[in-house]
Amino acid sequence: MAEGKKEEKEEKEEKEEKVGQKQYDLSEQQQKMEEKVQSLMRTIDGLEKETAELYKKVKSQRGPQQNIYKQRLLMMLKKKKMYENQLQQHMNQQMTIDQIAFQKDNVQNTIEMGQAMQKEMMKDIDVDAMDDLRDEMEEMKEESDYVLHYSNPRSTT
């Protein structure tokens, strides 16, 4: 199993060398984005719990202590909003990566289908017959050039 992955990695590196550009592993990028999204969701959940606790404290306190809790609650809500915006951005990026992966798969399938069709078509073509046909056409061209050359009254021979 390890040898198979090693061979795949070597093939991938060879392809990268041929193309001259690094090939990105979209599944790896998708996994990273998913981890970021999950992390942000956990952070937002934690902030929601803290916000609920602070809200209870604001309701139960009076005077300057209540103002302190209000300020903390306001900062906590701003922080939560910031993380929600980040989460939305990451989800949009994740969707874009998913779309790119889907398009990449479609292109790869199209290439493979085209290659298979090309191989199938090449089986039907007789290369020797094509060479013979090309030779005959060259001979016919030479004959027509000869006829045109000598049939032209203005030609000087």
N, C-alpha and C. Protein backbone atom coordinates (compact mmCIF):
# COMPACT_ATOMS: atom_id res chain seq x y z
N MET A 1 0.83 -1.19 0.00
CA MET A 1 0.00 0.00 0.00
C MET A 1 0.87 1.25 0.00
N ALA A 2 1.92 1.25 0.82
CA ALA A 2 2.83 2.39 0.88
C ALA A 2 3.57 2.56 -0.44
N GLU A 3 3.90 1.45 -1.09
CA GLU A 3 4.59 1.51 -2.37
C GLU A 3 3.69 2.15 -3.44
N GLY A 4 2.41 1.84 -3.39
CA GLY A 4 1.47 2.41 -4.36
C GLY A 4 1.39 3.93 -4.21
N LYS A 5 1.33 4.42 -2.97
CA LYS A 5 1.28 5.86 -2.74
C LYS A 5 2.59 6.51 -3.15
N LYS A 6 3.71 5.80 -2.91
CA LYS A 6 5.01 6.32 -3.28
C LYS A 6 5.10 6.46 -4.80
N GLU A 7 4.61 5.46 -5.52
CA GLU A 7 4.62 5.50 -6.98
C GLU A 7 3.74 6.63 -7.50
N GLU A 8 2.56 6.81 -6.87
CA GLU A 8 1.66 7.89 -7.28
C GLU A 8 2.34 9.25 -7.08
N LYS A 9 3.03 9.39 -5.94
CA LYS A 9 3.71 10.64 -5.65
C LYS A 9 4.81 10.89 -6.67
N GLU A 10 5.56 9.85 -7.04
CA GLU A 10 6.62 10.00 -8.03
C GLU A 10 6.05 10.38 -9.39
N GLU A 11 4.94 9.76 -9.77
CA GLU A 11 4.29 10.10 -11.04
C GLU A 11 3.83 11.55 -11.03
N LYS A 12 3.27 11.97 -9.90
CA LYS A 12 2.80 13.34 -9.77
C LYS A 12 3.96 14.32 -9.90
N GLU A 13 5.10 14.00 -9.26
CA GLU A 13 6.28 14.86 -9.34
C GLU A 13 6.80 14.92 -10.77
N GLU A 14 6.77 13.79 -11.48
CA GLU A 14 7.20 13.77 -12.87
C GLU A 14 6.32 14.67 -13.73
N LYS A 15 5.02 14.60 -13.51
CA LYS A 15 4.09 15.45 -14.25
C LYS A 15 4.38 16.91 -13.95
N GLU A 16 4.65 17.24 -12.68
CA GLU A 16 4.94 18.61 -12.30
C GLU A 16 6.20 19.09 -13.01
N GLU A 17 7.20 18.23 -13.12
CA GLU A 17 8.42 18.61 -13.79
C GLU A 17 8.16 18.86 -15.27
N LYS A 18 7.32 18.04 -15.88
CA LYS A 18 7.00 18.20 -17.30
C LYS A 18 6.28 19.52 -17.54
N VAL A 19 5.31 19.81 -16.72
CA VAL A 19 4.51 21.01 -16.89
C VAL A 19 5.29 22.25 -16.44
N GLY A 20 6.13 22.08 -15.43
CA GLY A 20 6.91 23.21 -14.93
C GLY A 20 6.17 24.01 -13.88
N GLN A 21 5.01 23.55 -13.49
CA GLN A 21 4.23 24.23 -12.47
C GLN A 21 3.83 23.22 -11.41
N LYS A 22 3.63 23.72 -10.21
CA LYS A 22 3.22 22.85 -9.12
C LYS A 22 1.74 22.51 -9.28
N GLN A 23 1.44 21.24 -9.13
CA GLN A 23 0.05 20.80 -9.19
C GLN A 23 -0.51 20.84 -7.78
N TYR A 24 -1.64 21.51 -7.61
CA TYR A 24 -2.25 21.61 -6.30
C TYR A 24 -3.21 20.45 -6.10
N ASP A 25 -3.17 19.92 -4.90
CA ASP A 25 -4.06 18.83 -4.54
C ASP A 25 -5.34 19.46 -3.99
N LEU A 26 -6.40 19.43 -4.78
CA LEU A 26 -7.64 20.08 -4.37
C LEU A 26 -8.28 19.40 -3.17
N SER A 27 -8.13 18.09 -3.07
CA SER A 27 -8.72 17.40 -1.92
C SER A 27 -8.03 17.85 -0.63
N GLU A 28 -6.74 18.11 -0.72
CA GLU A 28 -6.01 18.61 0.45
C GLU A 28 -6.50 20.01 0.82
N GLN A 29 -6.71 20.85 -0.19
CA GLN A 29 -7.22 22.19 0.06
C GLN A 29 -8.63 22.14 0.62
N GLN A 30 -9.44 21.23 0.11
CA GLN A 30 -10.80 21.09 0.62
C GLN A 30 -10.77 20.69 2.09
N GLN A 31 -9.87 19.78 2.43
CA GLN A 31 -9.76 19.33 3.82
C GLN A 31 -9.31 20.47 4.72
N LYS A 32 -8.35 21.26 4.28
CA LYS A 32 -7.89 22.40 5.07
C LYS A 32 -9.02 23.40 5.30
N MET A 33 -9.78 23.67 4.25
CA MET A 33 -10.89 24.61 4.38
C MET A 33 -11.95 24.07 5.34
N GLU A 34 -12.21 22.78 5.26
CA GLU A 34 -13.19 22.17 6.15
C GLU A 34 -12.74 22.30 7.61
N GLU A 35 -11.44 22.09 7.84
CA GLU A 35 -10.91 22.23 9.20
C GLU A 35 -11.05 23.66 9.71
N LYS A 36 -10.80 24.64 8.83
CA LYS A 36 -10.95 26.04 9.22
C LYS A 36 -12.39 26.36 9.55
N VAL A 37 -13.30 25.85 8.73
CA VAL A 37 -14.73 26.10 8.95
C VAL A 37 -15.16 25.50 10.29
N GLN A 38 -14.74 24.26 10.55
CA GLN A 38 -15.10 23.61 11.80
C GLN A 38 -14.54 24.38 13.00
N SER A 39 -13.31 24.85 12.89
CA SER A 39 -12.68 25.61 13.96
C SER A 39 -13.44 26.91 14.23
N LEU A 40 -13.81 27.60 13.16
CA LEU A 40 -14.57 28.84 13.33
C LEU A 40 -15.94 28.57 13.94
N MET A 41 -16.57 27.48 13.55
CA MET A 41 -17.88 27.14 14.11
C MET A 41 -17.77 26.87 15.61
N ARG A 42 -16.71 26.16 16.00
CA ARG A 42 -16.52 25.90 17.44
C ARG A 42 -16.28 27.21 18.20
N THR A 43 -15.51 28.11 17.61
CA THR A 43 -15.24 29.40 18.25
C THR A 43 -16.53 30.20 18.40
N ILE A 44 -17.34 30.21 17.36
CA ILE A 44 -18.61 30.94 17.41
C ILE A 44 -19.54 30.33 18.46
N ASP A 45 -19.58 29.01 18.54
CA ASP A 45 -20.40 28.36 19.56
C ASP A 45 -19.95 28.76 20.96
N GLY A 46 -18.63 28.78 21.17
CA GLY A 46 -18.10 29.20 22.46
C GLY A 46 -18.46 30.64 22.79
N LEU A 47 -18.38 31.50 21.77
CA LEU A 47 -18.75 32.91 21.98
C LEU A 47 -20.24 33.05 22.29
N GLU A 48 -21.07 32.24 21.67
CA GLU A 48 -22.51 32.29 21.96
C GLU A 48 -22.80 31.92 23.41
N LYS A 49 -22.09 30.92 23.91
CA LYS A 49 -22.28 30.52 25.31
C LYS A 49 -21.81 31.63 26.25
N GLU A 50 -20.66 32.22 25.96
CA GLU A 50 -20.16 33.31 26.79
C GLU A 50 -21.10 34.52 26.73
N THR A 51 -21.64 34.78 25.54
CA THR A 51 -22.57 35.89 25.37
C THR A 51 -23.82 35.67 26.21
N ALA A 52 -24.33 34.44 26.22
CA ALA A 52 -25.52 34.14 27.01
C ALA A 52 -25.25 34.35 28.50
N GLU A 53 -24.07 33.93 28.96
CA GLU A 53 -23.72 34.12 30.38
C GLU A 53 -23.60 35.60 30.72
N LEU A 54 -22.93 36.36 29.83
CA LEU A 54 -22.78 37.79 30.08
C LEU A 54 -24.14 38.49 30.07
N TYR A 55 -25.02 38.05 29.18
CA TYR A 55 -26.35 38.66 29.11
C TYR A 55 -27.10 38.46 30.43
N LYS A 56 -26.97 37.27 31.00
CA LYS A 56 -27.60 37.00 32.30
C LYS A 56 -27.02 37.90 33.37
N LYS A 57 -25.71 38.11 33.34
CA LYS A 57 -25.06 38.98 34.32
C LYS A 57 -25.51 40.43 34.15
N VAL A 58 -25.67 40.87 32.90
CA VAL A 58 -26.14 42.24 32.65
C VAL A 58 -27.53 42.42 33.24
N LYS A 59 -28.38 41.44 33.08
CA LYS A 59 -29.77 41.53 33.58
C LYS A 59 -29.83 41.47 35.11
N SER A 60 -28.87 40.76 35.69
CA SER A 60 -28.92 40.59 37.15
C SER A 60 -28.21 41.71 37.90
N GLN A 61 -27.35 42.48 37.26
CA GLN A 61 -26.58 43.53 37.92
C GLN A 61 -27.19 44.90 37.68
N ARG A 62 -26.83 45.85 38.57
CA ARG A 62 -27.27 47.24 38.44
C ARG A 62 -26.06 48.14 38.65
N GLY A 63 -26.16 49.33 38.09
CA GLY A 63 -25.13 50.33 38.32
C GLY A 63 -23.89 50.14 37.48
N PRO A 64 -22.73 50.51 38.05
CA PRO A 64 -21.49 50.47 37.28
C PRO A 64 -21.10 49.04 36.86
N GLN A 65 -21.42 48.06 37.68
CA GLN A 65 -21.12 46.67 37.33
C GLN A 65 -21.88 46.25 36.08
N GLN A 66 -23.13 46.71 35.96
CA GLN A 66 -23.93 46.39 34.78
C GLN A 66 -23.31 47.02 33.53
N ASN A 67 -22.79 48.24 33.64
CA ASN A 67 -22.16 48.91 32.50
C ASN A 67 -20.91 48.15 32.04
N ILE A 68 -20.14 47.63 32.98
CA ILE A 68 -18.95 46.85 32.64
C ILE A 68 -19.36 45.60 31.86
N TYR A 69 -20.39 44.93 32.36
CA TYR A 69 -20.86 43.72 31.67
C TYR A 69 -21.44 44.05 30.29
N LYS A 70 -22.11 45.22 30.19
CA LYS A 70 -22.64 45.64 28.89
C LYS A 70 -21.51 45.86 27.89
N GLN A 71 -20.43 46.51 28.34
CA GLN A 71 -19.30 46.75 27.46
C GLN A 71 -18.66 45.43 27.02
N ARG A 72 -18.51 44.52 27.97
CA ARG A 72 -17.96 43.20 27.62
C ARG A 72 -18.87 42.47 26.64
N LEU A 73 -20.18 42.56 26.89
CA LEU A 73 -21.15 41.91 26.01
C LEU A 73 -21.07 42.51 24.60
N LEU A 74 -20.97 43.82 24.53
CA LEU A 74 -20.88 44.48 23.23
C LEU A 74 -19.61 44.04 22.50
N MET A 75 -18.48 43.97 23.19
CA MET A 75 -17.24 43.52 22.57
C MET A 75 -17.35 42.06 22.12
N MET A 76 -18.00 41.25 22.94
CA MET A 76 -18.19 39.84 22.61
C MET A 76 -19.05 39.69 21.37
N LEU A 77 -20.11 40.52 21.25
CA LEU A 77 -20.98 40.45 20.06
C LEU A 77 -20.23 40.91 18.81
N LYS A 78 -19.38 41.93 18.94
CA LYS A 78 -18.57 42.38 17.80
C LYS A 78 -17.61 41.28 17.37
N LYS A 79 -17.00 40.63 18.34
CA LYS A 79 -16.07 39.54 18.05
C LYS A 79 -16.79 38.39 17.35
N LYS A 80 -17.98 38.07 17.85
CA LYS A 80 -18.78 37.00 17.24
C LYS A 80 -19.13 37.35 15.79
N LYS A 81 -19.50 38.61 15.56
CA LYS A 81 -19.85 39.05 14.21
C LYS A 81 -18.63 38.94 13.28
N MET A 82 -17.45 39.28 13.79
CA MET A 82 -16.23 39.17 13.01
C MET A 82 -15.98 37.71 12.61
N TYR A 83 -16.13 36.80 13.58
CA TYR A 83 -15.92 35.38 13.29
C TYR A 83 -16.98 34.84 12.33
N GLU A 84 -18.20 35.33 12.44
CA GLU A 84 -19.25 34.90 11.51
C GLU A 84 -18.93 35.36 10.09
N ASN A 85 -18.39 36.57 9.95
CA ASN A 85 -17.98 37.05 8.62
C ASN A 85 -16.84 36.19 8.06
N GLN A 86 -15.88 35.86 8.92
CA GLN A 86 -14.79 34.99 8.49
C GLN A 86 -15.32 33.62 8.06
N LEU A 87 -16.26 33.10 8.84
CA LEU A 87 -16.86 31.81 8.51
C LEU A 87 -17.53 31.87 7.15
N GLN A 88 -18.25 32.94 6.89
CA GLN A 88 -18.93 33.08 5.60
C GLN A 88 -17.91 33.13 4.46
N GLN A 89 -16.82 33.85 4.66
CA GLN A 89 -15.77 33.92 3.63
C GLN A 89 -15.16 32.55 3.38
N HIS A 90 -14.88 31.82 4.45
CA HIS A 90 -14.29 30.49 4.29
C HIS A 90 -15.26 29.53 3.60
N MET A 91 -16.53 29.65 3.92
CA MET A 91 -17.52 28.78 3.28
C MET A 91 -17.62 29.11 1.78
N ASN A 92 -17.53 30.39 1.44
CA ASN A 92 -17.53 30.78 0.02
C ASN A 92 -16.30 30.24 -0.69
N GLN A 93 -15.14 30.34 -0.03
CA GLN A 93 -13.92 29.80 -0.62
C GLN A 93 -14.02 28.29 -0.78
N GLN A 94 -14.59 27.64 0.22
CA GLN A 94 -14.74 26.19 0.15
C GLN A 94 -15.65 25.80 -1.01
N MET A 95 -16.71 26.56 -1.22
CA MET A 95 -17.60 26.27 -2.33
C MET A 95 -16.87 26.47 -3.67
N THR A 96 -16.05 27.50 -3.75
CA THR A 96 -15.28 27.74 -4.97
C THR A 96 -14.32 26.59 -5.24
N ILE A 97 -13.65 26.12 -4.20
CA ILE A 97 -12.73 24.99 -4.36
C ILE A 97 -13.49 23.75 -4.80
N ASP A 98 -14.66 23.53 -4.23
CA ASP A 98 -15.48 22.38 -4.64
C ASP A 98 -15.87 22.48 -6.11
N GLN A 99 -16.23 23.69 -6.56
CA GLN A 99 -16.60 23.88 -7.96
C GLN A 99 -15.40 23.62 -8.87
N ILE A 100 -14.22 24.09 -8.45
CA ILE A 100 -13.01 23.88 -9.25
C ILE A 100 -12.70 22.39 -9.34
N ALA A 101 -12.83 21.69 -8.22
CA ALA A 101 -12.57 20.24 -8.21
C ALA A 101 -13.54 19.53 -9.15
N PHE A 102 -14.79 19.94 -9.13
CA PHE A 102 -15.79 19.34 -10.02
C PHE A 102 -15.43 19.60 -11.48
N GLN A 103 -15.05 20.83 -11.79
CA GLN A 103 -14.66 21.16 -13.16
C GLN A 103 -13.41 20.39 -13.58
N LYS A 104 -12.47 20.25 -12.65
CA LYS A 104 -11.25 19.51 -12.95
C LYS A 104 -11.59 18.05 -13.29
N ASP A 105 -12.49 17.46 -12.50
CA ASP A 105 -12.90 16.08 -12.77
C ASP A 105 -13.58 15.97 -14.14
N ASN A 106 -14.41 16.95 -14.47
CA ASN A 106 -15.09 16.93 -15.77
C ASN A 106 -14.08 17.03 -16.91
N VAL A 107 -13.10 17.91 -16.76
CA VAL A 107 -12.07 18.06 -17.80
C VAL A 107 -11.28 16.77 -17.94
N GLN A 108 -10.91 16.18 -16.80
CA GLN A 108 -10.14 14.93 -16.85
C GLN A 108 -10.94 13.82 -17.52
N ASN A 109 -12.23 13.74 -17.22
CA ASN A 109 -13.08 12.73 -17.86
C ASN A 109 -13.17 12.97 -19.37
N THR A 110 -13.27 14.22 -19.76
CA THR A 110 -13.34 14.56 -21.18
C THR A 110 -12.04 14.19 -21.88
N ILE A 111 -10.92 14.47 -21.25
CA ILE A 111 -9.62 14.12 -21.84
C ILE A 111 -9.50 12.62 -22.00
N GLU A 112 -9.85 11.88 -20.96
CA GLU A 112 -9.77 10.42 -21.02
C GLU A 112 -10.68 9.86 -22.10
N MET A 113 -11.88 10.43 -22.21
CA MET A 113 -12.81 9.95 -23.23
C MET A 113 -12.25 10.26 -24.62
N GLY A 114 -11.68 11.45 -24.79
CA GLY A 114 -11.10 11.82 -26.08
C GLY A 114 -9.94 10.90 -26.45
N GLN A 115 -9.10 10.58 -25.47
CA GLN A 115 -7.98 9.68 -25.72
C GLN A 115 -8.47 8.28 -26.10
N ALA A 116 -9.50 7.82 -25.40
CA ALA A 116 -10.05 6.49 -25.72
C ALA A 116 -10.64 6.48 -27.13
N MET A 117 -11.34 7.56 -27.48
CA MET A 117 -11.92 7.63 -28.82
C MET A 117 -10.82 7.71 -29.88
N GLN A 118 -9.76 8.43 -29.58
CA GLN A 118 -8.65 8.55 -30.52
C GLN A 118 -8.00 7.18 -30.74
N LYS A 119 -7.80 6.45 -29.67
CA LYS A 119 -7.21 5.11 -29.80
C LYS A 119 -8.12 4.21 -30.62
N GLU A 120 -9.41 4.31 -30.39
CA GLU A 120 -10.39 3.49 -31.12
C GLU A 120 -10.38 3.85 -32.60
N MET A 121 -10.28 5.14 -32.88
CA MET A 121 -10.26 5.58 -34.27
C MET A 121 -8.96 5.14 -34.96
N MET A 122 -7.87 5.16 -34.23
CA MET A 122 -6.58 4.78 -34.82
C MET A 122 -6.56 3.30 -35.17
N LYS A 123 -7.34 2.50 -34.44
CA LYS A 123 -7.42 1.08 -34.75
C LYS A 123 -8.03 0.86 -36.13
N ASP A 124 -8.99 1.72 -36.47
CA ASP A 124 -9.70 1.57 -37.74
C ASP A 124 -8.91 2.10 -38.93
N ILE A 125 -7.92 2.94 -38.69
CA ILE A 125 -7.17 3.55 -39.78
C ILE A 125 -6.00 2.66 -40.15
N ASP A 126 -5.91 2.37 -41.45
CA ASP A 126 -4.80 1.58 -41.97
C ASP A 126 -3.72 2.55 -42.43
N VAL A 127 -2.61 2.58 -41.72
CA VAL A 127 -1.54 3.52 -42.00
C VAL A 127 -0.95 3.27 -43.39
N ASP A 128 -0.79 2.02 -43.77
CA ASP A 128 -0.24 1.71 -45.09
C ASP A 128 -1.15 2.23 -46.19
N ALA A 129 -2.45 2.08 -46.00
CA ALA A 129 -3.39 2.57 -47.00
C ALA A 129 -3.32 4.09 -47.09
N MET A 130 -3.13 4.75 -45.96
CA MET A 130 -2.99 6.21 -45.96
C MET A 130 -1.73 6.63 -46.71
N ASP A 131 -0.62 5.91 -46.51
CA ASP A 131 0.62 6.22 -47.23
C ASP A 131 0.44 6.02 -48.73
N ASP A 132 -0.21 4.93 -49.10
CA ASP A 132 -0.46 4.65 -50.53
C ASP A 132 -1.31 5.76 -51.15
N LEU A 133 -2.34 6.17 -50.42
CA LEU A 133 -3.22 7.23 -50.91
C LEU A 133 -2.46 8.54 -51.07
N ARG A 134 -1.62 8.88 -50.10
CA ARG A 134 -0.82 10.09 -50.19
C ARG A 134 0.13 10.03 -51.40
N ASP A 135 0.76 8.88 -51.62
CA ASP A 135 1.65 8.71 -52.77
C ASP A 135 0.89 8.89 -54.09
N GLU A 136 -0.30 8.29 -54.16
CA GLU A 136 -1.11 8.43 -55.37
C GLU A 136 -1.49 9.89 -55.62
N MET A 137 -1.82 10.59 -54.55
CA MET A 137 -2.21 12.00 -54.70
C MET A 137 -1.02 12.84 -55.16
N GLU A 138 0.17 12.55 -54.66
CA GLU A 138 1.37 13.27 -55.10
C GLU A 138 1.64 13.01 -56.58
N GLU A 139 1.45 11.76 -57.00
CA GLU A 139 1.65 11.42 -58.41
C GLU A 139 0.64 12.16 -59.28
N MET A 140 -0.62 12.20 -58.83
CA MET A 140 -1.66 12.89 -59.58
C MET A 140 -1.34 14.38 -59.68
N LYS A 141 -0.81 14.97 -58.63
CA LYS A 141 -0.45 16.38 -58.64
C LYS A 141 0.68 16.62 -59.64
N GLU A 142 1.66 15.76 -59.63
CA GLU A 142 2.77 15.89 -60.57
C GLU A 142 2.27 15.79 -62.01
N GLU A 143 1.36 14.84 -62.26
CA GLU A 143 0.81 14.67 -63.61
C GLU A 143 0.02 15.89 -64.03
N SER A 144 -0.79 16.43 -63.10
CA SER A 144 -1.58 17.61 -63.46
C SER A 144 -0.69 18.82 -63.68
N ASP A 145 0.37 18.95 -62.90
CA ASP A 145 1.34 20.03 -63.13
C ASP A 145 1.98 19.89 -64.50
N TYR A 146 2.33 18.68 -64.86
CA TYR A 146 2.95 18.40 -66.16
C TYR A 146 2.01 18.78 -67.29
N VAL A 147 0.74 18.34 -67.15
CA VAL A 147 -0.25 18.62 -68.18
C VAL A 147 -0.48 20.12 -68.28
N LEU A 148 -0.59 20.81 -67.15
CA LEU A 148 -0.81 22.25 -67.17
C LEU A 148 0.38 22.98 -67.78
N HIS A 149 1.53 22.51 -67.46
CA HIS A 149 2.75 23.15 -67.97
C HIS A 149 2.84 23.05 -69.50
N TYR A 150 2.55 21.88 -70.05
CA TYR A 150 2.67 21.70 -71.49
C TYR A 150 1.42 22.09 -72.26
N SER A 151 0.30 22.22 -71.54
CA SER A 151 -0.91 22.64 -72.25
C SER A 151 -1.02 24.15 -72.34
N ASN A 152 -0.25 24.85 -71.61
CA ASN A 152 -0.26 26.29 -71.63
C ASN A 152 0.52 26.78 -72.86
N PRO A 153 -0.16 27.46 -73.81
CA PRO A 153 0.52 27.86 -75.03
C PRO A 153 1.62 28.91 -74.79
N ARG A 154 1.57 29.60 -73.72
CA ARG A 154 2.53 30.66 -73.45
C ARG A 154 3.77 30.13 -72.76
N SER A 155 3.76 28.92 -72.39
CA SER A 155 4.91 28.41 -71.66
C SER A 155 6.09 28.28 -72.60
N THR A 156 7.23 28.57 -72.06
CA THR A 156 8.45 28.48 -72.87
C THR A 156 9.21 27.25 -72.41
N THR A 157 9.32 26.29 -73.29
CA THR A 157 10.04 25.05 -72.97
C THR A 157 11.15 24.80 -73.91
